[in-house]
Amino acid sequence: VKENQEKDKIGSKSDKNGKRVEVGKSLKQLQWVEEEKLSKTQKE
């Protein structure tokens, strides 16, 4: 519980940065998935 409270405090301060990081991660994951699909289709 303490960890969550601390994260909330930090999150409220660096909310914008945190969201940017999350978006960047999801974008990288999407790109990786697309590359995986391409590599699979190219093999076939």
C-alpha atoms as a PDB file:
ATOM      1  CA  VAL A   1       0.000   0.000   0.000  1.00  0.00           C
ATOM      2  CA  LYS A   2       2.839   2.378   0.822  1.00  0.00           C
ATOM      3  CA  GLU A   3       4.358   1.762  -2.600  1.00  0.00           C
ATOM      4  CA  ASN A   4       1.094   2.672  -4.309  1.00  0.00           C
ATOM      5  CA  GLN A   5       0.798   5.869  -2.268  1.00  0.00           C
ATOM      6  CA  GLU A   6       4.352   6.873  -3.161  1.00  0.00           C
ATOM      7  CA  LYS A   7       3.698   6.086  -6.812  1.00  0.00           C
ATOM      8  CA  ASP A   8       0.581   8.281  -6.679  1.00  0.00           C
ATOM      9  CA  LYS A   9       2.643  11.156  -5.281  1.00  0.00           C
ATOM     10  CA  ILE A  10       5.315  10.710  -7.943  1.00  0.00           C
ATOM     11  CA  GLY A  11       2.701  10.084 -10.621  1.00  0.00           C
ATOM     12  CA  SER A  12       0.879  13.330  -9.865  1.00  0.00           C
ATOM     13  CA  LYS A  13       4.159  15.210 -10.329  1.00  0.00           C
ATOM     14  CA  SER A  14       5.463  13.415 -13.424  1.00  0.00           C
ATOM     15  CA  ASP A  15       2.081  12.440 -14.842  1.00  0.00           C
ATOM     16  CA  LYS A  16       2.802  13.789 -18.324  1.00  0.00           C
ATOM     17  CA  ASN A  17       6.201  12.099 -18.536  1.00  0.00           C
ATOM     18  CA  GLY A  18       4.795   8.826 -17.233  1.00  0.00           C
ATOM     19  CA  LYS A  19       2.033   8.790 -19.825  1.00  0.00           C
ATOM     20  CA  ARG A  20       4.549   9.531 -22.569  1.00  0.00           C
ATOM     21  CA  VAL A  21       6.655   6.571 -21.467  1.00  0.00           C
ATOM     22  CA  GLU A  22       3.620   4.270 -21.458  1.00  0.00           C
ATOM     23  CA  VAL A  23       2.615   5.441 -24.930  1.00  0.00           C
ATOM     24  CA  GLY A  24       6.162   4.880 -26.159  1.00  0.00           C
ATOM     25  CA  LYS A  25       6.120   1.337 -24.802  1.00  0.00           C
ATOM     26  CA  SER A  26       2.791   0.521 -26.459  1.00  0.00           C
ATOM     27  CA  LEU A  27       4.013   2.019 -29.745  1.00  0.00           C
ATOM     28  CA  LYS A  28       7.164  -0.104 -29.606  1.00  0.00           C
ATOM     29  CA  GLN A  29       5.058  -3.183 -28.876  1.00  0.00           C
ATOM     30  CA  LEU A  30       2.772  -2.410 -31.832  1.00  0.00           C
ATOM     31  CA  GLN A  31       5.776  -1.966 -34.122  1.00  0.00           C
ATOM     32  CA  TRP A  32       7.269  -5.230 -32.845  1.00  0.00           C
ATOM     33  CA  VAL A  33       4.002  -7.103 -33.452  1.00  0.00           C
ATOM     34  CA  GLU A  34       3.774  -5.676 -36.968  1.00  0.00           C
ATOM     35  CA  GLU A  35       7.366  -6.738 -37.659  1.00  0.00           C
ATOM     36  CA  GLU A  36       6.580 -10.221 -36.350  1.00  0.00           C
ATOM     37  CA  LYS A  37       3.592 -10.436 -38.713  1.00  0.00           C
ATOM     38  CA  LEU A  38       5.716  -9.247 -41.644  1.00  0.00           C
ATOM     39  CA  SER A  39       8.502 -11.730 -40.912  1.00  0.00           C
ATOM     40  CA  LYS A  40       5.969 -14.577 -40.689  1.00  0.00           C
ATOM     41  CA  THR A  41       4.256 -13.638 -43.961  1.00  0.00           C
ATOM     42  CA  GLN A  42       7.609 -13.222 -45.713  1.00  0.00           C
ATOM     43  CA  LYS A  43       8.664 -16.744 -44.664  1.00  0.00           C
ATOM     44  CA  GLU A  44       5.457 -18.148 -46.161  1.00  0.00           C
END
